[in-house]
Amino acid sequence: YAVFGTSSTLAVGPVAVVSLMTAAAIAKVA
């Protein structure tokens, strides 16, 4: 993100909502 992103302060990584959606998505296939 530091190479391709345009925000000087955005911190990228795991977040709560996306982690919950990830759990719901992969639980359907494995």
All heavy atoms as atom14 arrays in JSON, in Angstrom:
{
  "sequence": "YAVFGTSSTLAVGPVAVVSLMTAAAIAKVA",
  "atom14_mask": [
    [1, 1, 1, 1, 1, 1, 1, 1, 1, 1, 1, 1, 0, 0],
    [1, 1, 1, 1, 1, 0, 0, 0, 0, 0, 0, 0, 0, 0],
    [1, 1, 1, 1, 1, 1, 1, 0, 0, 0, 0, 0, 0, 0],
    [1, 1, 1, 1, 1, 1, 1, 1, 1, 1, 1, 0, 0, 0],
    [1, 1, 1, 1, 0, 0, 0, 0, 0, 0, 0, 0, 0, 0],
    [1, 1, 1, 1, 1, 1, 1, 0, 0, 0, 0, 0, 0, 0],
    [1, 1, 1, 1, 1, 1, 0, 0, 0, 0, 0, 0, 0, 0],
    [1, 1, 1, 1, 1, 1, 0, 0, 0, 0, 0, 0, 0, 0],
    [1, 1, 1, 1, 1, 1, 1, 0, 0, 0, 0, 0, 0, 0],
    [1, 1, 1, 1, 1, 1, 1, 1, 0, 0, 0, 0, 0, 0],
    [1, 1, 1, 1, 1, 0, 0, 0, 0, 0, 0, 0, 0, 0],
    [1, 1, 1, 1, 1, 1, 1, 0, 0, 0, 0, 0, 0, 0],
    [1, 1, 1, 1, 0, 0, 0, 0, 0, 0, 0, 0, 0, 0],
    [1, 1, 1, 1, 1, 1, 1, 0, 0, 0, 0, 0, 0, 0],
    [1, 1, 1, 1, 1, 1, 1, 0, 0, 0, 0, 0, 0, 0],
    [1, 1, 1, 1, 1, 0, 0, 0, 0, 0, 0, 0, 0, 0],
    [1, 1, 1, 1, 1, 1, 1, 0, 0, 0, 0, 0, 0, 0],
    [1, 1, 1, 1, 1, 1, 1, 0, 0, 0, 0, 0, 0, 0],
    [1, 1, 1, 1, 1, 1, 0, 0, 0, 0, 0, 0, 0, 0],
    [1, 1, 1, 1, 1, 1, 1, 1, 0, 0, 0, 0, 0, 0],
    [1, 1, 1, 1, 1, 1, 1, 1, 0, 0, 0, 0, 0, 0],
    [1, 1, 1, 1, 1, 1, 1, 0, 0, 0, 0, 0, 0, 0],
    [1, 1, 1, 1, 1, 0, 0, 0, 0, 0, 0, 0, 0, 0],
    [1, 1, 1, 1, 1, 0, 0, 0, 0, 0, 0, 0, 0, 0],
    [1, 1, 1, 1, 1, 0, 0, 0, 0, 0, 0, 0, 0, 0],
    [1, 1, 1, 1, 1, 1, 1, 1, 0, 0, 0, 0, 0, 0],
    [1, 1, 1, 1, 1, 0, 0, 0, 0, 0, 0, 0, 0, 0],
    [1, 1, 1, 1, 1, 1, 1, 1, 1, 0, 0, 0, 0, 0],
    [1, 1, 1, 1, 1, 1, 1, 0, 0, 0, 0, 0, 0, 0],
    [1, 1, 1, 1, 1, 0, 0, 0, 0, 0, 0, 0, 0, 0]
  ],
  "atom14_positions": [
    [[0.84, -1.2, 0.0], [0.0, 0.0, 0.0], [0.88, 1.25, 0.0], [0.53, 2.26, -0.64], [-0.95, 0.02, 1.19], [-1.8, 1.28, 1.18], [-2.93, 1.36, 0.39], [-1.41, 2.4, 1.91], [-3.66, 2.54, 0.31], [-2.14, 3.58, 1.84], [-3.27, 3.63, 1.05], [-3.99, 4.8, 0.97], [0.0, 0.0, 0.0], [0.0, 0.0, 0.0]],
    [[2.0, 1.21, 0.71], [2.91, 2.36, 0.73], [3.41, 2.69, -0.67], [3.69, 3.86, -0.98], [4.08, 2.09, 1.66], [0.0, 0.0, 0.0], [0.0, 0.0, 0.0], [0.0, 0.0, 0.0], [0.0, 0.0, 0.0], [0.0, 0.0, 0.0], [0.0, 0.0, 0.0], [0.0, 0.0, 0.0], [0.0, 0.0, 0.0], [0.0, 0.0, 0.0]],
    [[3.52, 1.69, -1.52], [4.0, 1.9, -2.89], [2.88, 2.39, -3.8], [3.07, 3.31, -4.6], [4.6, 0.59, -3.45], [4.97, 0.76, -4.93], [5.82, 0.17, -2.64], [0.0, 0.0, 0.0], [0.0, 0.0, 0.0], [0.0, 0.0, 0.0], [0.0, 0.0, 0.0], [0.0, 0.0, 0.0], [0.0, 0.0, 0.0], [0.0, 0.0, 0.0]],
    [[1.69, 1.81, -3.65], [0.6, 2.08, -4.61], [-0.48, 3.02, -4.07], [-1.26, 3.54, -4.85], [-0.05, 0.76, -5.02], [0.81, -0.14, -5.85], [1.55, -1.16, -5.26], [0.91, 0.04, -7.22], [2.36, -1.99, -6.01], [1.71, -0.79, -7.99], [2.44, -1.8, -7.39], [0.0, 0.0, 0.0], [0.0, 0.0, 0.0], [0.0, 0.0, 0.0]],
    [[-0.58, 3.21, -2.74], [-1.66, 4.01, -2.17], [-1.37, 5.5, -2.19], [-0.22, 5.93, -2.36], [0.0, 0.0, 0.0], [0.0, 0.0, 0.0], [0.0, 0.0, 0.0], [0.0, 0.0, 0.0], [0.0, 0.0, 0.0], [0.0, 0.0, 0.0], [0.0, 0.0, 0.0], [0.0, 0.0, 0.0], [0.0, 0.0, 0.0], [0.0, 0.0, 0.0]],
    [[-2.41, 6.31, -2.01], [-2.27, 7.76, -2.08], [-2.49, 8.45, -0.74], [-2.29, 9.66, -0.64], [-3.26, 8.35, -3.1], [-4.6, 8.03, -2.71], [-2.99, 7.83, -4.49], [0.0, 0.0, 0.0], [0.0, 0.0, 0.0], [0.0, 0.0, 0.0], [0.0, 0.0, 0.0], [0.0, 0.0, 0.0], [0.0, 0.0, 0.0], [0.0, 0.0, 0.0]],
    [[-2.91, 7.73, 0.28], [-3.11, 8.34, 1.6], [-1.8, 8.29, 2.39], [-1.13, 7.26, 2.44], [-4.21, 7.62, 2.37], [-4.26, 8.06, 3.72], [0.0, 0.0, 0.0], [0.0, 0.0, 0.0], [0.0, 0.0, 0.0], [0.0, 0.0, 0.0], [0.0, 0.0, 0.0], [0.0, 0.0, 0.0], [0.0, 0.0, 0.0], [0.0, 0.0, 0.0]],
    [[-1.47, 9.4, 3.03], [-0.22, 9.45, 3.79], [-0.35, 8.82, 5.16], [0.66, 8.56, 5.82], [0.24, 10.9, 3.93], [-0.72, 11.66, 4.65], [0.0, 0.0, 0.0], [0.0, 0.0, 0.0], [0.0, 0.0, 0.0], [0.0, 0.0, 0.0], [0.0, 0.0, 0.0], [0.0, 0.0, 0.0], [0.0, 0.0, 0.0], [0.0, 0.0, 0.0]],
    [[-1.59, 8.57, 5.62], [-1.78, 8.09, 7.0], [-2.63, 6.84, 7.12], [-2.8, 6.33, 8.23], [-2.41, 9.2, 7.86], [-3.61, 9.66, 7.22], [-1.46, 10.36, 8.03], [0.0, 0.0, 0.0], [0.0, 0.0, 0.0], [0.0, 0.0, 0.0], [0.0, 0.0, 0.0], [0.0, 0.0, 0.0], [0.0, 0.0, 0.0], [0.0, 0.0, 0.0]],
    [[-3.17, 6.33, 6.02], [-4.02, 5.14, 6.11], [-3.19, 3.93, 6.54], [-2.15, 3.64, 5.95], [-4.68, 4.86, 4.77], [-5.76, 3.76, 4.79], [-6.99, 4.22, 5.55], [-6.15, 3.38, 3.35], [0.0, 0.0, 0.0], [0.0, 0.0, 0.0], [0.0, 0.0, 0.0], [0.0, 0.0, 0.0], [0.0, 0.0, 0.0], [0.0, 0.0, 0.0]],
    [[-3.66, 3.22, 7.58], [-2.98, 2.01, 8.06], [-3.77, 0.79, 7.6], [-4.91, 0.58, 8.01], [-2.88, 2.04, 9.59], [0.0, 0.0, 0.0], [0.0, 0.0, 0.0], [0.0, 0.0, 0.0], [0.0, 0.0, 0.0], [0.0, 0.0, 0.0], [0.0, 0.0, 0.0], [0.0, 0.0, 0.0], [0.0, 0.0, 0.0], [0.0, 0.0, 0.0]],
    [[-3.16, 0.0, 6.74], [-3.83, -1.14, 6.12], [-3.52, -2.41, 6.89], [-2.4, -2.62, 7.36], [-3.39, -1.28, 4.65], [-3.96, -2.55, 4.03], [-3.84, -0.06, 3.86], [0.0, 0.0, 0.0], [0.0, 0.0, 0.0], [0.0, 0.0, 0.0], [0.0, 0.0, 0.0], [0.0, 0.0, 0.0], [0.0, 0.0, 0.0], [0.0, 0.0, 0.0]],
    [[-4.52, -3.27, 7.02], [-4.35, -4.55, 7.71], [-5.69, -5.18, 7.98], [-6.72, -4.74, 7.46], [0.0, 0.0, 0.0], [0.0, 0.0, 0.0], [0.0, 0.0, 0.0], [0.0, 0.0, 0.0], [0.0, 0.0, 0.0], [0.0, 0.0, 0.0], [0.0, 0.0, 0.0], [0.0, 0.0, 0.0], [0.0, 0.0, 0.0], [0.0, 0.0, 0.0]],
    [[-5.73, -6.23, 8.8], [-7.01, -6.85, 9.14], [-7.89, -5.88, 9.91], [-7.41, -5.12, 10.75], [-6.6, -8.04, 10.02], [-5.15, -8.26, 9.74], [-4.59, -6.91, 9.41], [0.0, 0.0, 0.0], [0.0, 0.0, 0.0], [0.0, 0.0, 0.0], [0.0, 0.0, 0.0], [0.0, 0.0, 0.0], [0.0, 0.0, 0.0], [0.0, 0.0, 0.0]],
    [[-9.2, -5.89, 9.62], [-10.15, -5.08, 10.36], [-11.33, -5.97, 10.74], [-11.55, -7.04, 10.17], [-10.65, -3.86, 9.55], [-9.49, -2.94, 9.19], [-11.39, -4.3, 8.3], [0.0, 0.0, 0.0], [0.0, 0.0, 0.0], [0.0, 0.0, 0.0], [0.0, 0.0, 0.0], [0.0, 0.0, 0.0], [0.0, 0.0, 0.0], [0.0, 0.0, 0.0]],
    [[-12.12, -5.49, 11.69], [-13.15, -6.33, 12.3], [-14.2, -6.8, 11.29], [-14.49, -7.99, 11.17], [-13.82, -5.55, 13.45], [0.0, 0.0, 0.0], [0.0, 0.0, 0.0], [0.0, 0.0, 0.0], [0.0, 0.0, 0.0], [0.0, 0.0, 0.0], [0.0, 0.0, 0.0], [0.0, 0.0, 0.0], [0.0, 0.0, 0.0], [0.0, 0.0, 0.0]],
    [[-14.8, -5.85, 10.56], [-15.92, -6.2, 9.68], [-15.46, -7.14, 8.57], [-16.11, -8.15, 8.27], [-16.56, -4.93, 9.09], [-17.6, -5.3, 8.05], [-17.19, -4.09, 10.2], [0.0, 0.0, 0.0], [0.0, 0.0, 0.0], [0.0, 0.0, 0.0], [0.0, 0.0, 0.0], [0.0, 0.0, 0.0], [0.0, 0.0, 0.0], [0.0, 0.0, 0.0]],
    [[-14.32, -6.84, 7.94], [-13.81, -7.7, 6.87], [-13.42, -9.07, 7.41], [-13.62, -10.1, 6.74], [-12.62, -7.01, 6.16], [-11.91, -7.98, 5.22], [-13.1, -5.8, 5.39], [0.0, 0.0, 0.0], [0.0, 0.0, 0.0], [0.0, 0.0, 0.0], [0.0, 0.0, 0.0], [0.0, 0.0, 0.0], [0.0, 0.0, 0.0], [0.0, 0.0, 0.0]],
    [[-12.9, -9.13, 8.62], [-12.55, -10.42, 9.23], [-13.8, -11.25, 9.46], [-13.81, -12.47, 9.24], [-11.8, -10.2, 10.54], [-10.58, -9.54, 10.34], [0.0, 0.0, 0.0], [0.0, 0.0, 0.0], [0.0, 0.0, 0.0], [0.0, 0.0, 0.0], [0.0, 0.0, 0.0], [0.0, 0.0, 0.0], [0.0, 0.0, 0.0], [0.0, 0.0, 0.0]],
    [[-14.87, -10.62, 9.92], [-16.13, -11.33, 10.12], [-16.67, -11.84, 8.79], [-17.13, -12.99, 8.69], [-17.15, -10.4, 10.78], [-18.54, -11.0, 11.0], [-18.49, -12.12, 12.02], [-19.53, -9.92, 11.46], [0.0, 0.0, 0.0], [0.0, 0.0, 0.0], [0.0, 0.0, 0.0], [0.0, 0.0, 0.0], [0.0, 0.0, 0.0], [0.0, 0.0, 0.0]],
    [[-16.62, -11.01, 7.75], [-17.09, -11.43, 6.43], [-16.22, -12.56, 5.88], [-16.72, -13.47, 5.2], [-17.09, -10.24, 5.48], [-18.07, -9.14, 5.87], [-18.01, -7.72, 4.74], [-18.76, -8.44, 3.28], [0.0, 0.0, 0.0], [0.0, 0.0, 0.0], [0.0, 0.0, 0.0], [0.0, 0.0, 0.0], [0.0, 0.0, 0.0], [0.0, 0.0, 0.0]],
    [[-14.92, -12.5, 6.17], [-14.02, -13.58, 5.74], [-14.41, -14.89, 6.4], [-14.48, -15.94, 5.73], [-12.56, -13.22, 6.1], [-12.18, -12.05, 5.38], [-11.62, -14.36, 5.75], [0.0, 0.0, 0.0], [0.0, 0.0, 0.0], [0.0, 0.0, 0.0], [0.0, 0.0, 0.0], [0.0, 0.0, 0.0], [0.0, 0.0, 0.0], [0.0, 0.0, 0.0]],
    [[-14.67, -14.85, 7.69], [-15.08, -16.06, 8.41], [-16.35, -16.65, 7.83], [-16.46, -17.87, 7.62], [-15.27, -15.74, 9.9], [0.0, 0.0, 0.0], [0.0, 0.0, 0.0], [0.0, 0.0, 0.0], [0.0, 0.0, 0.0], [0.0, 0.0, 0.0], [0.0, 0.0, 0.0], [0.0, 0.0, 0.0], [0.0, 0.0, 0.0], [0.0, 0.0, 0.0]],
    [[-17.33, -15.79, 7.54], [-18.6, -16.27, 6.98], [-18.41, -16.86, 5.59], [-19.04, -17.86, 5.24], [-19.6, -15.11, 6.93], [0.0, 0.0, 0.0], [0.0, 0.0, 0.0], [0.0, 0.0, 0.0], [0.0, 0.0, 0.0], [0.0, 0.0, 0.0], [0.0, 0.0, 0.0], [0.0, 0.0, 0.0], [0.0, 0.0, 0.0], [0.0, 0.0, 0.0]],
    [[-17.52, -16.26, 4.8], [-17.32, -16.72, 3.42], [-16.61, -18.06, 3.36], [-17.05, -18.99, 2.66], [-16.53, -15.67, 2.63], [0.0, 0.0, 0.0], [0.0, 0.0, 0.0], [0.0, 0.0, 0.0], [0.0, 0.0, 0.0], [0.0, 0.0, 0.0], [0.0, 0.0, 0.0], [0.0, 0.0, 0.0], [0.0, 0.0, 0.0], [0.0, 0.0, 0.0]],
    [[-15.51, -18.2, 4.1], [-14.73, -19.43, 3.97], [-15.36, -20.59, 4.74], [-15.06, -21.76, 4.44], [-13.26, -19.22, 4.42], [-13.19, -18.75, 5.87], [-12.59, -18.22, 3.51], [-11.76, -18.48, 6.35], [0.0, 0.0, 0.0], [0.0, 0.0, 0.0], [0.0, 0.0, 0.0], [0.0, 0.0, 0.0], [0.0, 0.0, 0.0], [0.0, 0.0, 0.0]],
    [[-16.23, -20.28, 5.71], [-16.91, -21.35, 6.43], [-17.87, -22.12, 5.52], [-18.23, -23.26, 5.82], [-17.67, -20.78, 7.64], [0.0, 0.0, 0.0], [0.0, 0.0, 0.0], [0.0, 0.0, 0.0], [0.0, 0.0, 0.0], [0.0, 0.0, 0.0], [0.0, 0.0, 0.0], [0.0, 0.0, 0.0], [0.0, 0.0, 0.0], [0.0, 0.0, 0.0]],
    [[-18.26, -21.51, 4.4], [-19.18, -22.17, 3.47], [-18.49, -23.17, 2.56], [-19.14, -23.99, 1.93], [-19.9, -21.12, 2.62], [-20.81, -20.18, 3.41], [-21.56, -19.24, 2.49], [-20.64, -18.32, 1.73], [-21.38, -17.3, 0.94], [0.0, 0.0, 0.0], [0.0, 0.0, 0.0], [0.0, 0.0, 0.0], [0.0, 0.0, 0.0], [0.0, 0.0, 0.0]],
    [[-17.15, -23.09, 2.49], [-16.44, -23.93, 1.53], [-15.43, -24.87, 2.18], [-14.86, -25.73, 1.49], [-15.71, -23.07, 0.48], [-16.72, -22.23, -0.32], [-14.68, -22.15, 1.13], [0.0, 0.0, 0.0], [0.0, 0.0, 0.0], [0.0, 0.0, 0.0], [0.0, 0.0, 0.0], [0.0, 0.0, 0.0], [0.0, 0.0, 0.0], [0.0, 0.0, 0.0]],
    [[-15.19, -24.72, 3.48], [-14.19, -25.57, 4.14], [-14.49, -25.67, 5.62], [-15.17, -24.83, 6.21], [-12.78, -25.01, 3.92], [0.0, 0.0, 0.0], [0.0, 0.0, 0.0], [0.0, 0.0, 0.0], [0.0, 0.0, 0.0], [0.0, 0.0, 0.0], [0.0, 0.0, 0.0], [0.0, 0.0, 0.0], [0.0, 0.0, 0.0], [0.0, 0.0, 0.0]]
  ]
}
